[in-house]
Amino acid sequence: MKAAVYHARHDIRIEERPIPSPDSGELLLQVVGVGICGTDASEFTNGPSMFPIAQAHPVTGHCGPMVPGHEFAGVVATVGSGVTGFSEGDLVAAGAGIWCGECPRCRAGRTNLCDRYATVGLQRDGGLAEFVAVPSSCVLNVEGRTLSGDTAALSQPMSIAVHAMRRGRPEAGPMVTVIGVGGIGAFLVHALVQEGCHVTAIDLDEARLAVASGLGAHRTIAATRDLPLISQVADAGVRAEIAYECTGVAAGVEAAVGTVEQGGRVVVVGLHKAPVAVDLTSVALQEKELVGTLAHVFDADFRHAVDLIEEGIDHWPSVAPTVLPLDDLVAGGIRPMVEGGDPPIKALLDPRIDAERAIDVLTGPAAS
């Protein structure tokens, strides 16, 4: 099979690899849609950090060059022993996260904090290939839904947004801000709107704000780099009960903490490369909460994420307008993310195609 293989920083090669065999409890999928995200781009430019290239991962045992890709959908090619609920030819969406089910966090329902957590595409071979083996426990059968392979592949990033939304505990239609409407922020806007929240989206990019408006944001604010973000937010009169910080930059945290009212919550969604100063006096005296969020809880978040993708099917061409072949992964997918320009909010690929095409939102796996 053809696969994108990460060897080292700035070194991803399209290679021929044997088709994997599913272990007991696993499915072999023919990949029909796969997304790339900021983690993949960061590993390409600054890694390996999460990818176990030089040292074996303590859970998966993987060591050496690896196939990335943790946002994927596929058609079941082989059903491994002990697997029920799936048949060959079924379209499925993968959550990619793997948990033990036995540690204290798993028993408490917080499987994303499992002592032995690992992710397909981060700590073992993933979906940027024609085929991938994946535990059936982190796969949802979406056969018969109004989803294509492309849109089913959006389920995993939407599940990250759903989990982040739940961490903010929105109740009774609160006023919320989403700072940064990129890969997760855009999905978060949609999830929050569907939850009944009044959403203000803030970003530097007016094109992304237009997408946020299309996803239902009630207000958008185009920030600039010329002034501190917190002062721009204040000047716009933005106050909220919950602020979701999705930028991964210090200015976003400052603005988020300054945005929320007394007793409000700041959910830190973006991953920061360095420690960030926080006004803890404001946090203490106004009883604000700082809340972390990590990945998703499959049983609690994933089906809801798939529902949101299906219900919002007409929105996704604005988020991921085109689908690339595997050969264009670096030049057309990763480099625009790390070098600037005007990349789409979400980059999608289809390992079966040889040329770029428009996203397919029709029912069933996208035709090659």
Protein backbone atom coordinates (compact mmCIF):
# COMPACT_ATOMS: atom_id res chain seq x y z
CA MET A 1 0.00 0.00 0.00
CA LYS A 2 0.99 3.65 -0.36
CA ALA A 3 1.68 5.44 2.92
CA ALA A 4 3.07 8.74 4.19
CA VAL A 5 5.92 7.87 6.56
CA TYR A 6 7.45 10.28 9.07
CA HIS A 7 11.20 9.66 9.46
CA ALA A 8 12.43 12.86 11.10
CA ARG A 9 11.85 16.60 11.27
CA HIS A 10 11.02 17.90 7.78
CA ASP A 11 11.19 14.32 6.46
CA ILE A 12 7.92 12.69 5.45
CA ARG A 13 8.17 10.27 2.53
CA ILE A 14 5.52 8.61 0.41
CA GLU A 15 6.50 4.94 0.47
CA GLU A 16 5.21 1.47 -0.29
CA ARG A 17 4.46 -0.49 2.88
CA PRO A 18 2.84 -3.86 3.56
CA ILE A 19 -0.88 -3.72 4.30
CA PRO A 20 -1.20 -4.19 8.08
CA SER A 21 -3.02 -7.17 9.57
CA PRO A 22 -5.60 -6.42 12.27
CA ASP A 23 -4.95 -7.99 15.67
CA SER A 24 -7.71 -9.50 17.79
CA GLY A 25 -10.26 -6.80 18.56
CA GLU A 26 -9.20 -4.68 15.60
CA LEU A 27 -10.49 -3.68 12.18
CA LEU A 28 -8.54 -3.20 8.99
CA LEU A 29 -9.86 -0.09 7.25
CA GLN A 30 -9.40 1.15 3.72
CA VAL A 31 -8.92 4.84 4.42
CA VAL A 32 -11.38 7.04 2.51
CA GLY A 33 -10.76 10.36 4.25
CA VAL A 34 -8.10 11.71 6.60
CA GLY A 35 -7.44 15.13 8.09
CA ILE A 36 -4.24 16.75 9.28
CA CYS A 37 -4.04 19.12 12.20
CA GLY A 38 -1.69 21.38 14.11
CA THR A 39 -0.10 18.43 15.90
CA ASP A 40 0.92 16.87 12.58
CA ALA A 41 2.32 20.19 11.37
CA SER A 42 4.19 20.74 14.64
CA GLU A 43 5.77 17.28 14.48
CA PHE A 44 6.86 18.02 10.92
CA THR A 45 8.48 21.35 11.78
CA ASN A 46 9.68 20.82 15.36
CA GLY A 47 9.47 17.09 16.14
CA PRO A 48 9.67 14.34 16.79
CA SER A 49 8.06 15.12 20.11
CA MET A 50 4.97 12.90 20.29
CA PHE A 51 5.96 10.45 17.55
CA PRO A 52 8.05 7.52 18.95
CA ILE A 53 10.79 7.62 16.33
CA ALA A 54 13.96 7.07 18.38
CA GLN A 55 12.55 5.34 21.45
CA ALA A 56 9.82 2.74 21.82
CA HIS A 57 6.52 4.01 23.12
CA PRO A 58 5.77 2.42 26.50
CA VAL A 59 2.21 1.44 25.53
CA THR A 60 2.22 0.66 21.82
CA GLY A 61 5.85 -0.47 21.57
CA HIS A 62 6.22 1.42 18.30
CA CYS A 63 9.72 2.69 17.53
CA GLY A 64 11.01 4.09 14.27
CA PRO A 65 9.49 5.69 11.16
CA MET A 66 5.74 5.98 11.54
CA VAL A 67 2.60 6.69 9.54
CA PRO A 68 0.84 9.78 11.04
CA GLY A 69 -2.85 10.60 10.74
CA HIS A 70 -5.30 10.44 13.65
CA GLU A 71 -8.37 12.06 12.00
CA PHE A 72 -9.69 9.44 9.62
CA ALA A 73 -12.62 7.48 8.29
CA GLY A 74 -12.54 4.23 6.40
CA VAL A 75 -14.41 1.32 4.93
CA VAL A 76 -14.06 -1.97 6.79
CA ALA A 77 -11.81 -4.26 4.75
CA THR A 78 -11.25 -7.01 7.34
CA VAL A 79 -12.98 -7.73 10.64
CA GLY A 80 -10.51 -9.03 13.22
CA SER A 81 -11.26 -11.88 15.59
CA GLY A 82 -13.51 -11.05 18.51
CA VAL A 83 -15.04 -7.98 16.81
CA THR A 84 -18.81 -7.62 16.54
CA GLY A 85 -21.05 -4.89 15.18
CA PHE A 86 -19.10 -4.35 11.96
CA SER A 87 -19.22 -5.92 8.50
CA GLU A 88 -16.94 -5.64 5.50
CA GLY A 89 -17.90 -2.57 3.49
CA ASP A 90 -19.24 -0.55 6.44
CA LEU A 91 -18.27 3.12 6.56
CA VAL A 92 -16.78 3.98 9.96
CA ALA A 93 -15.38 7.04 11.71
CA ALA A 94 -12.40 6.58 14.00
CA GLY A 95 -11.81 8.35 17.31
CA ALA A 96 -8.20 7.06 17.28
CA GLY A 97 -7.68 7.24 21.06
CA ILE A 98 -7.01 3.96 22.87
CA TRP A 99 -7.61 3.42 26.58
CA CYS A 100 -7.18 0.48 28.98
CA GLY A 101 -10.60 0.52 30.66
CA GLU A 102 -9.09 -0.59 33.97
CA CYS A 103 -7.19 2.31 35.57
CA PRO A 104 -8.88 4.71 38.03
CA ARG A 105 -9.45 7.38 35.37
CA CYS A 106 -11.04 4.89 32.98
CA ARG A 107 -13.29 3.51 35.72
CA ALA A 108 -14.37 7.10 36.44
CA GLY A 109 -15.34 7.57 32.79
CA ARG A 110 -12.37 9.82 31.97
CA THR A 111 -10.80 7.51 29.43
CA ASN A 112 -8.91 10.39 27.82
CA LEU A 113 -6.78 10.52 30.98
CA CYS A 114 -6.04 6.77 30.96
CA ASP A 115 -2.73 5.73 32.49
CA ARG A 116 -2.00 3.82 29.26
CA TYR A 117 -3.57 6.19 26.75
CA ALA A 118 -2.22 6.09 23.20
CA THR A 119 -3.46 7.36 19.85
CA VAL A 120 -3.48 5.78 16.41
CA GLY A 121 -1.48 8.15 14.24
CA LEU A 122 0.50 9.62 17.15
CA GLN A 123 1.98 6.61 18.92
CA ARG A 124 1.34 3.88 16.32
CA ASP A 125 0.78 3.83 12.57
CA GLY A 126 -2.18 5.96 11.54
CA GLY A 127 -4.47 6.90 8.71
CA LEU A 128 -2.23 8.70 6.21
CA ALA A 129 -2.09 5.51 4.19
CA GLU A 130 -4.33 3.41 2.00
CA PHE A 131 -5.06 1.04 4.91
CA VAL A 132 -4.86 1.25 8.70
CA ALA A 133 -5.47 -1.21 11.54
CA VAL A 134 -7.42 0.24 14.47
CA PRO A 135 -9.05 -1.12 17.64
CA SER A 136 -12.79 -1.49 17.11
CA SER A 137 -13.39 0.08 20.55
CA CYS A 138 -12.52 3.54 19.20
CA VAL A 139 -14.47 3.25 15.94
CA LEU A 140 -18.10 4.17 15.32
CA ASN A 141 -20.09 2.49 12.56
CA VAL A 142 -21.71 5.27 10.49
CA GLU A 143 -22.99 3.09 7.67
CA GLY A 144 -26.37 4.37 6.50
CA ARG A 145 -25.89 7.92 7.81
CA THR A 146 -25.81 10.97 5.55
CA LEU A 147 -22.02 11.08 5.57
CA SER A 148 -19.30 10.66 2.99
CA GLY A 149 -15.79 9.46 3.69
CA ASP A 150 -14.72 13.11 3.71
CA THR A 151 -17.29 14.32 6.20
CA ALA A 152 -16.94 11.22 8.41
CA ALA A 153 -13.24 12.10 8.73
CA LEU A 154 -14.28 15.40 10.35
CA SER A 155 -15.80 13.50 13.28
CA GLN A 156 -12.55 13.24 15.25
CA PRO A 157 -11.75 16.98 15.34
CA MET A 158 -15.42 17.68 16.07
CA SER A 159 -15.19 15.29 19.02
CA ILE A 160 -12.28 17.35 20.40
CA ALA A 161 -14.52 20.41 20.17
CA VAL A 162 -17.44 18.61 21.80
CA HIS A 163 -15.26 17.55 24.73
CA ALA A 164 -13.88 21.08 25.10
CA MET A 165 -17.42 22.44 25.02
CA ARG A 166 -18.50 20.04 27.77
CA ARG A 167 -15.51 21.03 29.89
CA GLY A 168 -16.87 24.58 29.87
CA ARG A 169 -20.22 23.34 31.24
CA PRO A 170 -22.48 25.63 29.18
CA GLU A 171 -25.99 25.79 30.64
CA ALA A 172 -29.10 27.80 29.82
CA GLY A 173 -27.76 29.47 26.68
CA PRO A 174 -24.76 31.38 28.06
CA MET A 175 -22.78 34.14 26.40
CA VAL A 176 -19.49 32.61 25.26
CA THR A 177 -16.41 33.72 23.33
CA VAL A 178 -14.29 31.56 21.08
CA ILE A 179 -10.85 33.09 20.61
CA GLY A 180 -9.30 31.62 17.47
CA VAL A 181 -11.51 29.88 14.91
CA GLY A 182 -9.01 27.56 13.27
CA GLY A 183 -9.10 23.77 13.15
CA ILE A 184 -10.82 23.16 16.49
CA GLY A 185 -12.25 26.64 17.08
CA ALA A 186 -14.49 26.45 14.01
CA PHE A 187 -15.95 23.12 15.09
CA LEU A 188 -16.36 24.52 18.59
CA VAL A 189 -18.37 27.47 17.28
CA HIS A 190 -20.78 25.08 15.58
CA ALA A 191 -21.07 22.81 18.63
CA LEU A 192 -21.74 25.74 20.97
CA VAL A 193 -24.35 27.28 18.68
CA GLN A 194 -26.16 23.95 18.47
CA GLU A 195 -26.01 23.80 22.28
CA GLY A 196 -27.95 27.07 22.41
CA CYS A 197 -25.06 29.38 23.33
CA HIS A 198 -24.70 32.98 22.15
CA VAL A 199 -21.27 32.87 20.49
CA THR A 200 -18.81 35.67 19.81
CA ALA A 201 -15.93 34.53 17.59
CA ILE A 202 -12.62 36.42 17.61
CA ASP A 203 -9.81 35.94 15.11
CA LEU A 204 -7.22 37.83 13.07
CA ASP A 205 -8.44 36.29 9.81
CA GLU A 206 -11.62 37.78 8.38
CA ALA A 207 -12.11 34.82 6.05
CA ARG A 208 -12.20 32.48 9.04
CA LEU A 209 -14.61 34.81 10.79
CA ALA A 210 -16.87 34.60 7.75
CA VAL A 211 -16.81 30.82 8.12
CA ALA A 212 -17.62 31.22 11.84
CA SER A 213 -20.62 33.38 10.92
CA GLY A 214 -21.77 30.69 8.52
CA LEU A 215 -21.46 28.15 11.33
CA GLY A 216 -23.81 30.25 13.43
CA ALA A 217 -21.64 32.69 15.40
CA HIS A 218 -23.85 35.56 16.53
CA ARG A 219 -21.04 38.11 16.51
CA THR A 220 -17.51 38.23 15.10
CA ILE A 221 -14.60 40.50 15.98
CA ALA A 222 -11.70 40.95 13.58
CA ALA A 223 -8.64 41.54 15.75
CA THR A 224 -5.39 43.11 14.56
CA ARG A 225 -1.77 42.61 15.53
CA ASP A 226 -1.33 46.35 16.12
CA LEU A 227 -2.95 46.49 19.57
CA PRO A 228 -3.09 44.14 22.55
CA LEU A 229 -5.86 41.64 22.03
CA ILE A 230 -7.25 42.20 25.53
CA SER A 231 -7.73 45.91 24.83
CA GLN A 232 -9.47 45.16 21.53
CA VAL A 233 -11.82 42.75 23.27
CA ALA A 234 -12.51 45.30 26.01
CA ASP A 235 -13.13 48.09 23.50
CA ALA A 236 -15.63 45.87 21.72
CA GLY A 237 -17.54 45.45 24.98
CA VAL A 238 -17.17 41.68 25.02
CA ARG A 239 -18.16 39.93 28.23
CA ALA A 240 -18.96 36.27 28.58
CA GLU A 241 -19.72 33.55 31.05
CA ILE A 242 -17.32 31.16 29.30
CA ALA A 243 -14.28 31.87 27.13
CA TYR A 244 -12.68 29.19 24.98
CA GLU A 245 -9.04 29.98 24.19
CA CYS A 246 -8.09 28.17 20.98
CA THR A 247 -5.07 30.13 19.73
CA GLY A 248 -2.25 28.66 21.82
CA VAL A 249 -0.69 32.11 22.26
CA ALA A 250 -0.31 34.18 25.43
CA ALA A 251 -2.44 37.07 24.16
CA GLY A 252 -5.35 34.70 23.76
CA VAL A 253 -5.14 33.57 27.38
CA GLU A 254 -4.90 37.16 28.61
CA ALA A 255 -7.95 38.12 26.58
CA ALA A 256 -9.88 35.05 27.68
CA VAL A 257 -9.25 35.69 31.38
CA GLY A 258 -10.14 39.35 30.87
CA THR A 259 -13.30 38.48 28.94
CA VAL A 260 -15.08 36.27 31.43
CA GLU A 261 -17.29 37.75 34.10
CA GLN A 262 -17.09 37.00 37.80
CA GLY A 263 -17.59 33.31 38.40
CA GLY A 264 -16.89 32.59 34.73
CA ARG A 265 -14.76 29.88 33.17
CA VAL A 266 -11.80 29.93 30.80
CA VAL A 267 -11.30 26.69 28.86
CA VAL A 268 -7.74 26.39 27.56
CA VAL A 269 -8.07 24.52 24.27
CA GLY A 270 -4.96 25.70 22.40
CA LEU A 271 -1.63 24.06 23.21
CA HIS A 272 1.04 26.53 24.30
CA LYS A 273 4.71 26.07 23.47
CA ALA A 274 5.89 27.97 26.58
CA PRO A 275 4.55 28.91 30.03
CA VAL A 276 2.06 31.79 30.00
CA ALA A 277 1.55 34.51 32.61
CA VAL A 278 -1.98 34.57 34.03
CA ASP A 279 -3.63 37.27 36.15
CA LEU A 280 -4.25 34.96 39.11
CA THR A 281 -5.38 37.87 41.28
CA SER A 282 -8.35 38.32 38.96
CA VAL A 283 -8.91 34.57 38.95
CA ALA A 284 -8.92 34.44 42.75
CA LEU A 285 -10.86 37.58 43.62
CA GLN A 286 -13.51 37.05 40.96
CA GLU A 287 -13.75 33.28 41.39
CA LYS A 288 -12.93 32.56 37.77
CA GLU A 289 -12.06 29.03 36.76
CA LEU A 290 -9.22 27.87 34.51
CA VAL A 291 -10.18 24.58 32.87
CA GLY A 292 -8.04 22.23 30.81
CA THR A 293 -9.29 19.93 28.05
CA LEU A 294 -7.63 16.96 26.40
CA ALA A 295 -8.72 14.88 23.42
CA HIS A 296 -12.18 13.34 23.89
CA VAL A 297 -14.03 10.66 25.83
CA PHE A 298 -15.20 8.29 23.12
CA ASP A 299 -18.35 7.04 24.82
CA ALA A 300 -19.45 10.52 25.93
CA ASP A 301 -18.35 12.70 23.01
CA PHE A 302 -17.92 10.83 19.76
CA ARG A 303 -21.46 9.93 18.77
CA HIS A 304 -22.58 13.50 19.52
CA ALA A 305 -19.74 14.75 17.32
CA VAL A 306 -20.87 12.54 14.44
CA ASP A 307 -24.43 13.80 14.91
CA LEU A 308 -23.20 17.40 14.67
CA ILE A 309 -21.23 16.66 11.50
CA GLU A 310 -24.27 15.02 9.93
CA GLU A 311 -26.70 17.75 10.99
CA GLY A 312 -24.38 20.47 9.71
CA ILE A 313 -23.51 18.73 6.48
CA ASP A 314 -23.94 21.84 4.32
CA HIS A 315 -21.34 23.79 6.36
CA TRP A 316 -18.29 21.62 5.78
CA PRO A 317 -17.34 22.78 2.26
CA SER A 318 -16.49 26.14 3.84
CA VAL A 319 -14.27 24.44 6.44
CA ALA A 320 -12.57 21.88 4.20
CA PRO A 321 -13.29 22.86 0.59
CA THR A 322 -10.82 20.56 -1.15
CA VAL A 323 -9.38 17.08 -0.74
CA LEU A 324 -5.76 16.32 -1.61
CA PRO A 325 -4.04 13.13 -2.77
CA LEU A 326 -1.47 11.60 -0.45
CA ASP A 327 1.40 12.79 -2.67
CA ASP A 328 0.42 16.41 -1.87
CA LEU A 329 0.51 15.95 1.92
CA VAL A 330 3.57 18.10 2.57
CA ALA A 331 3.41 20.67 -0.22
CA GLY A 332 -0.34 21.17 -0.24
CA GLY A 333 -1.31 20.23 3.31
CA ILE A 334 1.41 20.76 5.90
CA ARG A 335 3.54 23.56 4.47
CA PRO A 336 0.64 26.03 4.04
CA MET A 337 -0.20 25.45 7.71
CA VAL A 338 3.31 26.28 8.94
CA GLU A 339 4.39 28.87 6.38
CA GLY A 340 1.32 31.11 6.39
CA GLY A 341 -0.61 32.06 3.32
CA ASP A 342 -4.29 31.22 3.12
CA PRO A 343 -4.78 27.53 4.00
CA PRO A 344 -8.27 26.15 4.56
CA ILE A 345 -9.40 25.69 8.15
CA LYS A 346 -9.11 21.91 7.74
CA ALA A 347 -6.93 20.05 5.25
CA LEU A 348 -8.37 16.72 4.08
CA LEU A 349 -6.74 13.96 2.05
CA ASP A 350 -7.92 10.82 0.30
CA PRO A 351 -5.21 8.17 -0.22
CA ARG A 352 -7.14 6.68 -3.16
CA ILE A 353 -7.02 9.71 -5.45
CA ASP A 354 -4.30 11.09 -7.71
CA ALA A 355 -5.47 14.69 -8.08
CA GLU A 356 -7.09 17.34 -5.90
CA ARG A 357 -10.88 17.35 -5.86
CA ALA A 358 -13.73 19.15 -4.08
CA ILE A 359 -15.04 17.81 -0.80
CA ASP A 360 -17.80 15.23 -1.20
CA VAL A 361 -20.70 15.59 1.24
CA LEU A 362 -22.93 12.91 -0.33
CA THR A 363 -23.93 9.73 1.46
CA GLY A 364 -21.39 6.91 1.37
CA PRO A 365 -17.61 6.81 0.84
CA ALA A 366 -16.41 9.37 -1.66
CA ALA A 367 -15.81 7.75 -5.04
CA SER A 368 -12.21 7.58 -6.17
